[in-house]
Amino acid sequence: MEVIREIDAKGTWIFEGTDRDSYQSLYAIADKIIFLDPPLWKRKIRIMTRFIKQKLGIERCHYKPNLSMLRRMYIWTREFEQNREHFESKLQRYDEKVIRLRDTKDILLLR
């Protein structure tokens, strides 16, 4: 928690990733929580599209884009959906600062 306080004290910050219990302190101190929440079918297509682009060298990544990683991404997506209710209940605590983006038109509405 000390490291998080140090980062927060230095000014603005962005954190991204999947939900972890340790992130609760980040939710509490964040000014805004932006939840990218496209439909499941779109996320699955994007996982495959990114994998293909990474294998072709069109898109860079900081991991080895192999079938094992691709499989894990689909597993993480499935696990998120299975635990979505739990995640949503955590987000409800911070409802006043949550911005949920489901598609491009939601992003355009922010302008």
Protein backbone atom coordinates (compact mmCIF):
# COMPACT_ATOMS: atom_id res chain seq x y z
CA MET A 1 0.00 0.00 0.00
CA GLU A 2 2.93 2.33 0.67
CA VAL A 3 4.06 2.14 -2.97
CA ILE A 4 0.54 3.04 -4.11
CA ARG A 5 0.49 6.09 -1.83
CA GLU A 6 3.86 7.20 -3.20
CA ILE A 7 2.62 6.91 -6.79
CA ASP A 8 -0.58 8.77 -5.95
CA ALA A 9 1.34 11.56 -4.21
CA LYS A 10 3.38 12.22 -7.36
CA GLY A 11 0.33 13.26 -9.36
CA THR A 12 -1.69 11.69 -12.13
CA TRP A 13 -1.50 8.02 -12.90
CA ILE A 14 -3.23 5.36 -15.00
CA PHE A 15 -3.55 1.76 -14.02
CA GLU A 16 -4.86 -0.97 -16.29
CA GLY A 17 -5.39 -4.64 -15.98
CA THR A 18 -7.77 -7.28 -14.82
CA ASP A 19 -9.36 -7.19 -11.40
CA ARG A 20 -7.39 -8.28 -8.35
CA ASP A 21 -8.35 -7.98 -4.68
CA SER A 22 -5.29 -5.82 -4.11
CA TYR A 23 -6.70 -3.22 -6.54
CA GLN A 24 -9.41 -2.12 -4.09
CA SER A 25 -7.12 0.57 -2.73
CA LEU A 26 -6.64 1.87 -6.28
CA TYR A 27 -10.38 2.08 -6.85
CA ALA A 28 -10.74 4.04 -3.63
CA ILE A 29 -8.15 6.71 -4.53
CA ALA A 30 -8.89 6.95 -8.27
CA ASP A 31 -10.56 10.08 -9.62
CA LYS A 32 -12.21 8.05 -12.40
CA ILE A 33 -12.55 4.34 -13.10
CA ILE A 34 -12.88 3.59 -16.80
CA PHE A 35 -14.26 0.12 -17.40
CA LEU A 36 -13.83 -1.06 -20.99
CA ASP A 37 -16.73 -3.47 -21.33
CA PRO A 38 -17.33 -4.48 -24.96
CA PRO A 39 -19.58 -7.49 -25.63
CA LEU A 40 -18.04 -10.92 -25.07
CA TRP A 41 -18.20 -11.81 -28.78
CA LYS A 42 -16.22 -8.67 -29.64
CA ARG A 43 -13.58 -9.40 -27.01
CA LYS A 44 -13.10 -12.92 -28.37
CA ILE A 45 -12.64 -11.62 -31.90
CA ARG A 46 -10.18 -8.97 -30.68
CA ILE A 47 -8.12 -11.59 -28.84
CA MET A 48 -7.74 -13.60 -32.05
CA THR A 49 -7.10 -10.51 -34.20
CA ARG A 50 -4.37 -9.27 -31.86
CA PHE A 51 -2.79 -12.73 -31.73
CA ILE A 52 -2.63 -12.89 -35.54
CA LYS A 53 -1.18 -9.36 -35.76
CA GLN A 54 1.43 -10.23 -33.13
CA LYS A 55 2.42 -13.44 -34.90
CA LEU A 56 2.78 -11.52 -38.17
CA GLY A 57 4.86 -8.82 -36.48
CA ILE A 58 2.27 -6.11 -37.20
CA GLU A 59 1.65 -5.49 -33.50
CA ARG A 60 4.26 -5.65 -30.76
CA CYS A 61 3.71 -7.29 -27.39
CA HIS A 62 5.72 -7.88 -24.21
CA TYR A 63 5.10 -11.62 -24.13
CA LYS A 64 5.58 -14.50 -26.52
CA PRO A 65 2.49 -14.78 -28.73
CA ASN A 66 2.11 -18.54 -28.82
CA LEU A 67 -0.85 -20.90 -28.61
CA SER A 68 -0.40 -21.26 -24.87
CA MET A 69 -0.76 -17.50 -24.37
CA LEU A 70 -3.74 -17.38 -26.72
CA ARG A 71 -5.42 -20.14 -24.74
CA ARG A 72 -4.74 -18.30 -21.44
CA MET A 73 -6.33 -15.12 -22.82
CA TYR A 74 -9.51 -17.01 -23.61
CA ILE A 75 -9.42 -18.65 -20.18
CA TRP A 76 -9.01 -15.25 -18.48
CA THR A 77 -11.94 -13.92 -20.50
CA ARG A 78 -14.11 -16.88 -19.49
CA GLU A 79 -13.09 -16.54 -15.84
CA PHE A 80 -13.91 -12.83 -15.88
CA GLU A 81 -17.40 -13.58 -17.20
CA GLN A 82 -17.89 -16.30 -14.60
CA ASN A 83 -16.91 -13.83 -11.86
CA ARG A 84 -18.49 -10.73 -13.41
CA GLU A 85 -21.14 -10.45 -10.71
CA HIS A 86 -18.46 -10.24 -8.02
CA PHE A 87 -16.53 -7.61 -9.99
CA GLU A 88 -19.67 -5.59 -10.66
CA SER A 89 -20.50 -5.58 -6.94
CA LYS A 90 -17.03 -4.15 -6.20
CA LEU A 91 -17.50 -1.46 -8.83
CA GLN A 92 -20.88 -0.46 -7.37
CA ARG A 93 -19.06 0.92 -4.33
CA TYR A 94 -17.51 3.53 -6.62
CA ASP A 95 -20.46 4.04 -8.96
CA GLU A 96 -20.14 7.84 -8.98
CA LYS A 97 -16.69 7.65 -10.60
CA VAL A 98 -17.18 4.68 -12.96
CA ILE A 99 -17.29 5.35 -16.69
CA ARG A 100 -18.37 2.24 -18.60
CA LEU A 101 -17.46 2.08 -22.29
CA ARG A 102 -19.20 -0.68 -24.22
CA ASP A 103 -18.57 0.49 -27.77
CA THR A 104 -17.23 3.30 -29.93
CA LYS A 105 -20.34 5.47 -29.53
CA ASP A 106 -19.80 5.53 -25.76
CA ILE A 107 -16.30 6.91 -26.36
CA LEU A 108 -17.63 9.53 -28.78
CA LEU A 109 -20.18 10.66 -26.16
CA LEU A 110 -17.31 11.55 -23.80
CA ARG A 111 -16.07 14.28 -26.16
